[in-house]
Amino acid sequence: MTVIFDMDGVIVDSAACHYQTWCALLSKRGIDYSYEDFKHNFGRRTDMQVRRILGDIPDKEVAAISEEKNILFREFAASKVRALPGVADLITSIKKNGGKVGIGSSRPWRP
């Protein structure tokens, strides 16, 4: 058996941390980011969100802002985001019974 989990909302509830990150990132650029705007964009890749929020900007700028957002998110998430109740036990049980576990996510790969 192989089980593939999504990260955000299944393994962890990181929505509040993502919202906090976007607010901090965009406020530095003079942009107020509402929770409604966030809900509309949540779940999309960071580069896609940057383009939806900031419009038609050069690819290099999209990449730089995306990387800044990802770094800031990791800083915020390190002390705030934890596995949802029961997830760690479920993953352990799957593996103990010979199953394999994978994660599907739009997050960039970080070895």
PDB file of N, CA and C in Angstrom:
ATOM      1  N   MET A   1       0.842  -1.172   0.000  1.00  0.00           N
ATOM      2  CA  MET A   1       0.000   0.000   0.000  1.00  0.00           C
ATOM      3  C   MET A   1       0.891   1.241   0.000  1.00  0.00           C
ATOM      4  N   THR A   2       0.517   2.211  -0.797  1.00  0.00           N
ATOM      5  CA  THR A   2       1.192   3.505  -0.808  1.00  0.00           C
ATOM      6  C   THR A   2       0.144   4.584  -0.581  1.00  0.00           C
ATOM      7  N   VAL A   3       0.429   5.496   0.319  1.00  0.00           N
ATOM      8  CA  VAL A   3      -0.482   6.596   0.624  1.00  0.00           C
ATOM      9  C   VAL A   3       0.251   7.902   0.374  1.00  0.00           C
ATOM     10  N   ILE A   4      -0.367   8.779  -0.412  1.00  0.00           N
ATOM     11  CA  ILE A   4       0.207  10.097  -0.667  1.00  0.00           C
ATOM     12  C   ILE A   4      -0.688  11.132   0.003  1.00  0.00           C
ATOM     13  N   PHE A   5      -0.081  11.901   0.887  1.00  0.00           N
ATOM     14  CA  PHE A   5      -0.796  12.945   1.621  1.00  0.00           C
ATOM     15  C   PHE A   5      -0.462  14.309   1.037  1.00  0.00           C
ATOM     16  N   ASP A   6      -1.426  15.218   1.081  1.00  0.00           N
ATOM     17  CA  ASP A   6      -1.133  16.622   0.835  1.00  0.00           C
ATOM     18  C   ASP A   6      -0.580  17.177   2.144  1.00  0.00           C
ATOM     19  N   MET A   7       0.254  18.193   2.056  1.00  0.00           N
ATOM     20  CA  MET A   7       0.858  18.746   3.266  1.00  0.00           C
ATOM     21  C   MET A   7      -0.109  19.705   3.970  1.00  0.00           C
ATOM     22  N   ASP A   8      -0.459  20.797   3.313  1.00  0.00           N
ATOM     23  CA  ASP A   8      -1.268  21.841   3.943  1.00  0.00           C
ATOM     24  C   ASP A   8      -2.718  21.401   4.090  1.00  0.00           C
ATOM     25  N   GLY A   9      -3.183  21.397   5.319  1.00  0.00           N
ATOM     26  CA  GLY A   9      -4.562  21.062   5.604  1.00  0.00           C
ATOM     27  C   GLY A   9      -4.807  19.587   5.860  1.00  0.00           C
ATOM     28  N   VAL A  10      -3.813  18.735   5.582  1.00  0.00           N
ATOM     29  CA  VAL A  10      -3.954  17.302   5.828  1.00  0.00           C
ATOM     30  C   VAL A  10      -2.954  16.855   6.890  1.00  0.00           C
ATOM     31  N   ILE A  11      -1.685  17.122   6.649  1.00  0.00           N
ATOM     32  CA  ILE A  11      -0.658  16.778   7.640  1.00  0.00           C
ATOM     33  C   ILE A  11      -0.516  17.906   8.659  1.00  0.00           C
ATOM     34  N   VAL A  12      -0.516  19.125   8.184  1.00  0.00           N
ATOM     35  CA  VAL A  12      -0.411  20.286   9.074  1.00  0.00           C
ATOM     36  C   VAL A  12      -1.467  21.317   8.690  1.00  0.00           C
ATOM     37  N   ASP A  13      -1.846  22.140   9.649  1.00  0.00           N
ATOM     38  CA  ASP A  13      -2.731  23.273   9.375  1.00  0.00           C
ATOM     39  C   ASP A  13      -1.851  24.515   9.379  1.00  0.00           C
ATOM     40  N   SER A  14      -1.389  24.886   8.212  1.00  0.00           N
ATOM     41  CA  SER A  14      -0.440  25.991   8.108  1.00  0.00           C
ATOM     42  C   SER A  14      -1.051  27.251   7.514  1.00  0.00           C
ATOM     43  N   ALA A  15      -2.359  27.262   7.324  1.00  0.00           N
ATOM     44  CA  ALA A  15      -3.002  28.396   6.662  1.00  0.00           C
ATOM     45  C   ALA A  15      -2.727  29.719   7.382  1.00  0.00           C
ATOM     46  N   ALA A  16      -2.867  29.741   8.685  1.00  0.00           N
ATOM     47  CA  ALA A  16      -2.650  30.988   9.429  1.00  0.00           C
ATOM     48  C   ALA A  16      -1.216  31.479   9.261  1.00  0.00           C
ATOM     49  N   CYS A  17      -0.285  30.559   9.244  1.00  0.00           N
ATOM     50  CA  CYS A  17       1.118  30.930   9.081  1.00  0.00           C
ATOM     51  C   CYS A  17       1.386  31.456   7.665  1.00  0.00           C
ATOM     52  N   HIS A  18       0.766  30.824   6.669  1.00  0.00           N
ATOM     53  CA  HIS A  18       0.893  31.327   5.297  1.00  0.00           C
ATOM     54  C   HIS A  18       0.317  32.739   5.187  1.00  0.00           C
ATOM     55  N   TYR A  19      -0.847  32.946   5.797  1.00  0.00           N
ATOM     56  CA  TYR A  19      -1.472  34.275   5.746  1.00  0.00           C
ATOM     57  C   TYR A  19      -0.583  35.317   6.421  1.00  0.00           C
ATOM     58  N   GLN A  20      -0.060  34.994   7.580  1.00  0.00           N
ATOM     59  CA  GLN A  20       0.838  35.905   8.295  1.00  0.00           C
ATOM     60  C   GLN A  20       2.050  36.245   7.418  1.00  0.00           C
ATOM     61  N   THR A  21       2.575  35.242   6.726  1.00  0.00           N
ATOM     62  CA  THR A  21       3.735  35.451   5.866  1.00  0.00           C
ATOM     63  C   THR A  21       3.403  36.386   4.712  1.00  0.00           C
ATOM     64  N   TRP A  22       2.275  36.116   4.037  1.00  0.00           N
ATOM     65  CA  TRP A  22       1.887  36.986   2.920  1.00  0.00           C
ATOM     66  C   TRP A  22       1.659  38.421   3.391  1.00  0.00           C
ATOM     67  N   CYS A  23       1.001  38.588   4.531  1.00  0.00           N
ATOM     68  CA  CYS A  23       0.753  39.938   5.059  1.00  0.00           C
ATOM     69  C   CYS A  23       2.063  40.679   5.306  1.00  0.00           C
ATOM     70  N   ALA A  24       3.028  40.003   5.935  1.00  0.00           N
ATOM     71  CA  ALA A  24       4.324  40.630   6.216  1.00  0.00           C
ATOM     72  C   ALA A  24       5.057  40.974   4.921  1.00  0.00           C
ATOM     73  N   LEU A  25       5.062  40.041   3.985  1.00  0.00           N
ATOM     74  CA  LEU A  25       5.748  40.251   2.714  1.00  0.00           C
ATOM     75  C   LEU A  25       5.140  41.401   1.924  1.00  0.00           C
ATOM     76  N   LEU A  26       3.824  41.438   1.855  1.00  0.00           N
ATOM     77  CA  LEU A  26       3.154  42.451   1.041  1.00  0.00           C
ATOM     78  C   LEU A  26       3.095  43.813   1.724  1.00  0.00           C
ATOM     79  N   SER A  27       3.052  43.830   3.051  1.00  0.00           N
ATOM     80  CA  SER A  27       3.018  45.130   3.742  1.00  0.00           C
ATOM     81  C   SER A  27       4.303  45.914   3.486  1.00  0.00           C
ATOM     82  N   LYS A  28       5.430  45.182   3.307  1.00  0.00           N
ATOM     83  CA  LYS A  28       6.695  45.851   2.970  1.00  0.00           C
ATOM     84  C   LYS A  28       6.609  46.531   1.611  1.00  0.00           C
ATOM     85  N   ARG A  29       5.640  46.126   0.800  1.00  0.00           N
ATOM     86  CA  ARG A  29       5.450  46.690  -0.532  1.00  0.00           C
ATOM     87  C   ARG A  29       4.235  47.617  -0.575  1.00  0.00           C
ATOM     88  N   GLY A  30       3.707  47.946   0.621  1.00  0.00           N
ATOM     89  CA  GLY A  30       2.586  48.871   0.712  1.00  0.00           C
ATOM     90  C   GLY A  30       1.250  48.279   0.301  1.00  0.00           C
ATOM     91  N   ILE A  31       1.129  46.961   0.378  1.00  0.00           N
ATOM     92  CA  ILE A  31      -0.097  46.290  -0.045  1.00  0.00           C
ATOM     93  C   ILE A  31      -0.788  45.679   1.163  1.00  0.00           C
ATOM     94  N   ASP A  32      -2.073  46.031   1.348  1.00  0.00           N
ATOM     95  CA  ASP A  32      -2.891  45.391   2.377  1.00  0.00           C
ATOM     96  C   ASP A  32      -3.470  44.117   1.768  1.00  0.00           C
ATOM     97  N   TYR A  33      -3.334  43.003   2.454  1.00  0.00           N
ATOM     98  CA  TYR A  33      -3.775  41.713   1.935  1.00  0.00           C
ATOM     99  C   TYR A  33      -4.858  41.179   2.846  1.00  0.00           C
ATOM    100  N   SER A  34      -6.073  41.135   2.343  1.00  0.00           N
ATOM    101  CA  SER A  34      -7.197  40.690   3.168  1.00  0.00           C
ATOM    102  C   SER A  34      -7.221  39.164   3.269  1.00  0.00           C
ATOM    103  N   TYR A  35      -7.924  38.685   4.274  1.00  0.00           N
ATOM    104  CA  TYR A  35      -8.066  37.237   4.427  1.00  0.00           C
ATOM    105  C   TYR A  35      -8.882  36.667   3.262  1.00  0.00           C
ATOM    106  N   GLU A  36      -9.801  37.444   2.740  1.00  0.00           N
ATOM    107  CA  GLU A  36     -10.581  37.000   1.568  1.00  0.00           C
ATOM    108  C   GLU A  36      -9.667  36.806   0.362  1.00  0.00           C
ATOM    109  N   ASP A  37      -8.751  37.750   0.149  1.00  0.00           N
ATOM    110  CA  ASP A  37      -7.779  37.602  -0.940  1.00  0.00           C
ATOM    111  C   ASP A  37      -6.936  36.352  -0.725  1.00  0.00           C
ATOM    112  N   PHE A  38      -6.505  36.150   0.506  1.00  0.00           N
ATOM    113  CA  PHE A  38      -5.687  34.989   0.839  1.00  0.00           C
ATOM    114  C   PHE A  38      -6.437  33.691   0.527  1.00  0.00           C
ATOM    115  N   LYS A  39      -7.696  33.589   0.971  1.00  0.00           N
ATOM    116  CA  LYS A  39      -8.472  32.372   0.729  1.00  0.00           C
ATOM    117  C   LYS A  39      -8.622  32.107  -0.769  1.00  0.00           C
ATOM    118  N   HIS A  40      -8.748  33.162  -1.536  1.00  0.00           N
ATOM    119  CA  HIS A  40      -8.903  33.029  -2.990  1.00  0.00           C
ATOM    120  C   HIS A  40      -7.632  32.467  -3.638  1.00  0.00           C
ATOM    121  N   ASN A  41      -6.473  32.760  -3.068  1.00  0.00           N
ATOM    122  CA  ASN A  41      -5.183  32.352  -3.643  1.00  0.00           C
ATOM    123  C   ASN A  41      -4.576  31.114  -2.996  1.00  0.00           C
ATOM    124  N   PHE A  42      -5.009  30.765  -1.798  1.00  0.00           N
ATOM    125  CA  PHE A  42      -4.377  29.682  -1.039  1.00  0.00           C
ATOM    126  C   PHE A  42      -4.451  28.369  -1.814  1.00  0.00           C
ATOM    127  N   GLY A  43      -3.343  27.635  -1.800  1.00  0.00           N
ATOM    128  CA  GLY A  43      -3.266  26.363  -2.491  1.00  0.00           C
ATOM    129  C   GLY A  43      -2.568  26.456  -3.836  1.00  0.00           C
ATOM    130  N   ARG A  44      -2.376  27.668  -4.322  1.00  0.00           N
ATOM    131  CA  ARG A  44      -1.648  27.861  -5.572  1.00  0.00           C
ATOM    132  C   ARG A  44      -0.153  27.938  -5.264  1.00  0.00           C
ATOM    133  N   ARG A  45       0.658  27.625  -6.265  1.00  0.00           N
ATOM    134  CA  ARG A  45       2.103  27.777  -6.103  1.00  0.00           C
ATOM    135  C   ARG A  45       2.421  29.238  -5.802  1.00  0.00           C
ATOM    136  N   THR A  46       3.504  29.446  -5.061  1.00  0.00           N
ATOM    137  CA  THR A  46       3.891  30.796  -4.654  1.00  0.00           C
ATOM    138  C   THR A  46       4.081  31.721  -5.856  1.00  0.00           C
ATOM    139  N   ASP A  47       4.773  31.254  -6.893  1.00  0.00           N
ATOM    140  CA  ASP A  47       4.997  32.116  -8.055  1.00  0.00           C
ATOM    141  C   ASP A  47       3.679  32.523  -8.717  1.00  0.00           C
ATOM    142  N   MET A  48       2.713  31.612  -8.737  1.00  0.00           N
ATOM    143  CA  MET A  48       1.404  31.951  -9.310  1.00  0.00           C
ATOM    144  C   MET A  48       0.687  32.996  -8.460  1.00  0.00           C
ATOM    145  N   GLN A  49       0.819  32.867  -7.139  1.00  0.00           N
ATOM    146  CA  GLN A  49       0.194  33.847  -6.249  1.00  0.00           C
ATOM    147  C   GLN A  49       0.838  35.221  -6.431  1.00  0.00           C
ATOM    148  N   VAL A  50       2.164  35.258  -6.541  1.00  0.00           N
ATOM    149  CA  VAL A  50       2.864  36.531  -6.728  1.00  0.00           C
ATOM    150  C   VAL A  50       2.326  37.229  -7.972  1.00  0.00           C
ATOM    151  N   ARG A  51       2.183  36.500  -9.056  1.00  0.00           N
ATOM    152  CA  ARG A  51       1.667  37.100 -10.301  1.00  0.00           C
ATOM    153  C   ARG A  51       0.216  37.568 -10.149  1.00  0.00           C
ATOM    154  N   ARG A  52      -0.605  36.793  -9.436  1.00  0.00           N
ATOM    155  CA  ARG A  52      -2.008  37.192  -9.246  1.00  0.00           C
ATOM    156  C   ARG A  52      -2.102  38.466  -8.407  1.00  0.00           C
ATOM    157  N   ILE A  53      -1.203  38.597  -7.441  1.00  0.00           N
ATOM    158  CA  ILE A  53      -1.260  39.741  -6.531  1.00  0.00           C
ATOM    159  C   ILE A  53      -0.582  40.969  -7.133  1.00  0.00           C
ATOM    160  N   LEU A  54       0.598  40.782  -7.717  1.00  0.00           N
ATOM    161  CA  LEU A  54       1.410  41.915  -8.181  1.00  0.00           C
ATOM    162  C   LEU A  54       1.304  42.186  -9.674  1.00  0.00           C
ATOM    163  N   GLY A  55       0.634  41.329 -10.396  1.00  0.00           N
ATOM    164  CA  GLY A  55       0.429  41.556 -11.818  1.00  0.00           C
ATOM    165  C   GLY A  55       1.598  41.100 -12.672  1.00  0.00           C
ATOM    166  N   ASP A  56       1.710  41.722 -13.820  1.00  0.00           N
ATOM    167  CA  ASP A  56       2.708  41.331 -14.812  1.00  0.00           C
ATOM    168  C   ASP A  56       4.061  41.949 -14.469  1.00  0.00           C
ATOM    169  N   ILE A  57       4.850  41.199 -13.727  1.00  0.00           N
ATOM    170  CA  ILE A  57       6.194  41.654 -13.362  1.00  0.00           C
ATOM    171  C   ILE A  57       7.206  40.676 -13.948  1.00  0.00           C
ATOM    172  N   PRO A  58       8.457  41.101 -14.103  1.00  0.00           N
ATOM    173  CA  PRO A  58       9.470  40.222 -14.705  1.00  0.00           C
ATOM    174  C   PRO A  58       9.655  38.915 -13.931  1.00  0.00           C
ATOM    175  N   ASP A  59       9.971  37.844 -14.674  1.00  0.00           N
ATOM    176  CA  ASP A  59      10.178  36.526 -14.075  1.00  0.00           C
ATOM    177  C   ASP A  59      11.211  36.558 -12.952  1.00  0.00           C
ATOM    178  N   LYS A  60      12.264  37.330 -13.152  1.00  0.00           N
ATOM    179  CA  LYS A  60      13.327  37.414 -12.140  1.00  0.00           C
ATOM    180  C   LYS A  60      12.785  37.985 -10.826  1.00  0.00           C
ATOM    181  N   GLU A  61      11.908  38.971 -10.937  1.00  0.00           N
ATOM    182  CA  GLU A  61      11.305  39.567  -9.741  1.00  0.00           C
ATOM    183  C   GLU A  61      10.331  38.585  -9.071  1.00  0.00           C
ATOM    184  N   VAL A  62       9.568  37.857  -9.887  1.00  0.00           N
ATOM    185  CA  VAL A  62       8.667  36.836  -9.349  1.00  0.00           C
ATOM    186  C   VAL A  62       9.469  35.804  -8.565  1.00  0.00           C
ATOM    187  N   ALA A  63      10.579  35.357  -9.129  1.00  0.00           N
ATOM    188  CA  ALA A  63      11.427  34.354  -8.472  1.00  0.00           C
ATOM    189  C   ALA A  63      11.992  34.892  -7.160  1.00  0.00           C
ATOM    190  N   ALA A  64      12.444  36.140  -7.158  1.00  0.00           N
ATOM    191  CA  ALA A  64      13.028  36.726  -5.953  1.00  0.00           C
ATOM    192  C   ALA A  64      11.973  36.889  -4.852  1.00  0.00           C
ATOM    193  N   ILE A  65      10.792  37.355  -5.214  1.00  0.00           N
ATOM    194  CA  ILE A  65       9.721  37.540  -4.234  1.00  0.00           C
ATOM    195  C   ILE A  65       9.250  36.178  -3.716  1.00  0.00           C
ATOM    196  N   SER A  66       9.152  35.200  -4.604  1.00  0.00           N
ATOM    197  CA  SER A  66       8.751  33.848  -4.199  1.00  0.00           C
ATOM    198  C   SER A  66       9.746  33.267  -3.201  1.00  0.00           C
ATOM    199  N   GLU A  67      11.031  33.433  -3.478  1.00  0.00           N
ATOM    200  CA  GLU A  67      12.049  32.922  -2.568  1.00  0.00           C
ATOM    201  C   GLU A  67      11.980  33.650  -1.225  1.00  0.00           C
ATOM    202  N   GLU A  68      11.787  34.955  -1.265  1.00  0.00           N
ATOM    203  CA  GLU A  68      11.647  35.729  -0.027  1.00  0.00           C
ATOM    204  C   GLU A  68      10.452  35.220   0.782  1.00  0.00           C
ATOM    205  N   LYS A  69       9.344  34.954   0.109  1.00  0.00           N
ATOM    206  CA  LYS A  69       8.145  34.449   0.789  1.00  0.00           C
ATOM    207  C   LYS A  69       8.431  33.088   1.409  1.00  0.00           C
ATOM    208  N   ASN A  70       9.101  32.212   0.667  1.00  0.00           N
ATOM    209  CA  ASN A  70       9.388  30.869   1.177  1.00  0.00           C
ATOM    210  C   ASN A  70      10.311  30.899   2.386  1.00  0.00           C
ATOM    211  N   ILE A  71      11.309  31.760   2.349  1.00  0.00           N
ATOM    212  CA  ILE A  71      12.230  31.906   3.489  1.00  0.00           C
ATOM    213  C   ILE A  71      11.473  32.423   4.713  1.00  0.00           C
ATOM    214  N   LEU A  72      10.670  33.456   4.507  1.00  0.00           N
ATOM    215  CA  LEU A  72       9.895  34.041   5.597  1.00  0.00           C
ATOM    216  C   LEU A  72       8.920  33.020   6.179  1.00  0.00           C
ATOM    217  N   PHE A  73       8.268  32.242   5.303  1.00  0.00           N
ATOM    218  CA  PHE A  73       7.342  31.215   5.790  1.00  0.00           C
ATOM    219  C   PHE A  73       8.071  30.199   6.664  1.00  0.00           C
ATOM    220  N   ARG A  74       9.220  29.735   6.230  1.00  0.00           N
ATOM    221  CA  ARG A  74       9.966  28.749   7.029  1.00  0.00           C
ATOM    222  C   ARG A  74      10.330  29.322   8.388  1.00  0.00           C
ATOM    223  N   GLU A  75      10.670  30.597   8.442  1.00  0.00           N
ATOM    224  CA  GLU A  75      10.981  31.233   9.731  1.00  0.00           C
ATOM    225  C   GLU A  75       9.756  31.254  10.634  1.00  0.00           C
ATOM    226  N   PHE A  76       8.614  31.660  10.087  1.00  0.00           N
ATOM    227  CA  PHE A  76       7.380  31.712  10.872  1.00  0.00           C
ATOM    228  C   PHE A  76       6.934  30.306  11.270  1.00  0.00           C
ATOM    229  N   ALA A  77       7.003  29.374  10.331  1.00  0.00           N
ATOM    230  CA  ALA A  77       6.464  28.031  10.547  1.00  0.00           C
ATOM    231  C   ALA A  77       7.286  27.206  11.522  1.00  0.00           C
ATOM    232  N   ALA A  78       8.563  27.472  11.611  1.00  0.00           N
ATOM    233  CA  ALA A  78       9.448  26.656  12.446  1.00  0.00           C
ATOM    234  C   ALA A  78       8.949  26.530  13.878  1.00  0.00           C
ATOM    235  N   SER A  79       8.372  27.576  14.412  1.00  0.00           N
ATOM    236  CA  SER A  79       7.935  27.528  15.807  1.00  0.00           C
ATOM    237  C   SER A  79       6.420  27.405  15.958  1.00  0.00           C
ATOM    238  N   LYS A  80       5.677  27.412  14.836  1.00  0.00           N
ATOM    239  CA  LYS A  80       4.218  27.455  14.956  1.00  0.00           C
ATOM    240  C   LYS A  80       3.486  26.266  14.346  1.00  0.00           C
ATOM    241  N   VAL A  81       4.008  25.688  13.293  1.00  0.00           N
ATOM    242  CA  VAL A  81       3.272  24.655  12.568  1.00  0.00           C
ATOM    243  C   VAL A  81       3.644  23.273  13.099  1.00  0.00           C
ATOM    244  N   ARG A  82       2.644  22.515  13.463  1.00  0.00           N
ATOM    245  CA  ARG A  82       2.824  21.159  13.971  1.00  0.00           C
ATOM    246  C   ARG A  82       1.865  20.227  13.231  1.00  0.00           C
ATOM    247  N   ALA A  83       2.160  18.939  13.283  1.00  0.00           N
ATOM    248  CA  ALA A  83       1.279  17.945  12.665  1.00  0.00           C
ATOM    249  C   ALA A  83      -0.097  17.999  13.330  1.00  0.00           C
ATOM    250  N   LEU A  84      -1.124  17.792  12.528  1.00  0.00           N
ATOM    251  CA  LEU A  84      -2.478  17.724  13.060  1.00  0.00           C
ATOM    252  C   LEU A  84      -2.624  16.475  13.933  1.00  0.00           C
ATOM    253  N   PRO A  85      -3.552  16.487  14.876  1.00  0.00           N
ATOM    254  CA  PRO A  85      -3.724  15.348  15.777  1.00  0.00           C
ATOM    255  C   PRO A  85      -3.955  14.044  15.007  1.00  0.00           C
ATOM    256  N   GLY A  86      -3.225  13.015  15.403  1.00  0.00           N
ATOM    257  CA  GLY A  86      -3.392  11.695  14.827  1.00  0.00           C
ATOM    258  C   GLY A  86      -2.581  11.409  13.577  1.00  0.00           C
ATOM    259  N   VAL A  87      -2.063  12.448  12.935  1.00  0.00           N
ATOM    260  CA  VAL A  87      -1.343  12.258  11.673  1.00  0.00           C
ATOM    261  C   VAL A  87      -0.062  11.453  11.873  1.00  0.00           C
ATOM    262  N   ALA A  88       0.731  11.805  12.861  1.00  0.00           N
ATOM    263  CA  ALA A  88       1.994  11.090  13.092  1.00  0.00           C
ATOM    264  C   ALA A  88       1.731   9.622  13.398  1.00  0.00           C
ATOM    265  N   ASP A  89       0.711   9.341  14.205  1.00  0.00           N
ATOM    266  CA  ASP A  89       0.382   7.949  14.524  1.00  0.00           C
ATOM    267  C   ASP A  89      -0.084   7.197  13.274  1.00  0.00           C
ATOM    268  N   LEU A  90      -0.866   7.842  12.437  1.00  0.00           N
ATOM    269  CA  LEU A  90      -1.345   7.214  11.205  1.00  0.00           C
ATOM    270  C   LEU A  90      -0.174   6.879  10.276  1.00  0.00           C
ATOM    271  N   ILE A  91       0.728   7.810  10.091  1.00  0.00           N
ATOM    272  CA  ILE A  91       1.888   7.582   9.229  1.00  0.00           C
ATOM    273  C   ILE A  91       2.753   6.456   9.791  1.00  0.00           C
ATOM    274  N   THR A  92       2.970   6.478  11.091  1.00  0.00           N
ATOM    275  CA  THR A  92       3.748   5.408  11.737  1.00  0.00           C
ATOM    276  C   THR A  92       3.086   4.058  11.522  1.00  0.00           C
ATOM    277  N   SER A  93       1.791   3.992  11.663  1.00  0.00           N
ATOM    278  CA  SER A  93       1.050   2.745  11.487  1.00  0.00           C
ATOM    279  C   SER A  93       1.149   2.238  10.051  1.00  0.00           C
ATOM    280  N   ILE A  94       1.000   3.120   9.096  1.00  0.00           N
ATOM    281  CA  ILE A  94       1.108   2.726   7.686  1.00  0.00           C
ATOM    282  C   ILE A  94       2.484   2.128   7.415  1.00  0.00           C
ATOM    283  N   LYS A  95       3.518   2.810   7.890  1.00  0.00           N
ATOM    284  CA  LYS A  95       4.885   2.327   7.654  1.00  0.00           C
ATOM    285  C   LYS A  95       5.173   1.029   8.396  1.00  0.00           C
ATOM    286  N   LYS A  96       4.667   0.926   9.629  1.00  0.00           N
ATOM    287  CA  LYS A  96       4.881  -0.282  10.433  1.00  0.00           C
ATOM    288  C   LYS A  96       4.249  -1.503   9.757  1.00  0.00           C
ATOM    289  N   ASN A  97       3.171  -1.281   9.012  1.00  0.00           N
ATOM    290  CA  ASN A  97       2.465  -2.366   8.343  1.00  0.00           C
ATOM    291  C   ASN A  97       2.917  -2.562   6.892  1.00  0.00           C
ATOM    292  N   GLY A  98       4.117  -2.052   6.581  1.00  0.00           N
ATOM    293  CA  GLY A  98       4.711  -2.274   5.268  1.00  0.00           C
ATOM    294  C   GLY A  98       4.311  -1.291   4.193  1.00  0.00           C
ATOM    295  N   GLY A  99       3.546  -0.304   4.546  1.00  0.00           N
ATOM    296  CA  GLY A  99       3.123   0.690   3.561  1.00  0.00           C
ATOM    297  C   GLY A  99       4.188   1.741   3.323  1.00  0.00           C
ATOM    298  N   LYS A 100       4.018   2.463   2.248  1.00  0.00           N
ATOM    299  CA  LYS A 100       4.902   3.579   1.930  1.00  0.00           C
ATOM    300  C   LYS A 100       4.090   4.870   1.996  1.00  0.00           C
ATOM    301  N   VAL A 101       4.769   5.936   2.385  1.00  0.00           N
ATOM    302  CA  VAL A 101       4.114   7.224   2.559  1.00  0.00           C
ATOM    303  C   VAL A 101       4.837   8.260   1.731  1.00  0.00           C
ATOM    304  N   GLY A 102       4.064   9.085   1.037  1.00  0.00           N
ATOM    305  CA  GLY A 102       4.634  10.189   0.276  1.00  0.00           C
ATOM    306  C   GLY A 102       3.857  11.461   0.546  1.00  0.00           C
ATOM    307  N   ILE A 103       4.458  12.571   0.165  1.00  0.00           N
ATOM    308  CA  ILE A 103       3.812  13.866   0.338  1.00  0.00           C
ATOM    309  C   ILE A 103       3.703  14.528  -1.023  1.00  0.00           C
ATOM    310  N   GLY A 104       2.506  14.961  -1.345  1.00  0.00           N
ATOM    311  CA  GLY A 104       2.280  15.748  -2.547  1.00  0.00           C
ATOM    312  C   GLY A 104       2.031  17.178  -2.127  1.00  0.00           C
ATOM    313  N   SER A 105       2.760  18.112  -2.705  1.00  0.00           N
ATOM    314  CA  SER A 105       2.619  19.499  -2.296  1.00  0.00           C
ATOM    315  C   SER A 105       3.090  20.411  -3.415  1.00  0.00           C
ATOM    316  N   SER A 106       2.568  21.596  -3.451  1.00  0.00           N
ATOM    317  CA  SER A 106       3.043  22.584  -4.423  1.00  0.00           C
ATOM    318  C   SER A 106       4.248  23.339  -3.895  1.00  0.00           C
ATOM    319  N   ARG A 107       4.664  23.045  -2.688  1.00  0.00           N
ATOM    320  CA  ARG A 107       5.834  23.691  -2.098  1.00  0.00           C
ATOM    321  C   ARG A 107       7.095  23.305  -2.874  1.00  0.00           C
ATOM    322  N   PRO A 108       8.049  24.220  -2.988  1.00  0.00           N
ATOM    323  CA  PRO A 108       9.305  23.867  -3.651  1.00  0.00           C
ATOM    324  C   PRO A 108      10.065  22.813  -2.857  1.00  0.00           C
ATOM    325  N   TRP A 109      10.780  21.941  -3.552  1.00  0.00           N
ATOM    326  CA  TRP A 109      11.549  20.876  -2.907  1.00  0.00           C
ATOM    327  C   TRP A 109      12.732  21.483  -2.178  1.00  0.00           C
ATOM    328  N   ARG A 110      12.935  21.069  -0.949  1.00  0.00           N
ATOM    329  CA  ARG A 110      14.076  21.470  -0.131  1.00  0.00           C
ATOM    330  C   ARG A 110      14.691  20.217   0.464  1.00  0.00           C
ATOM    331  N   PRO A 111      15.826  19.750  -0.051  1.00  0.00           N
ATOM    332  CA  PRO A 111      16.439  18.535   0.526  1.00  0.00           C
ATOM    333  C   PRO A 111      16.901  18.749   1.960  1.00  0.00           C
TER     334      PRO A 111
END
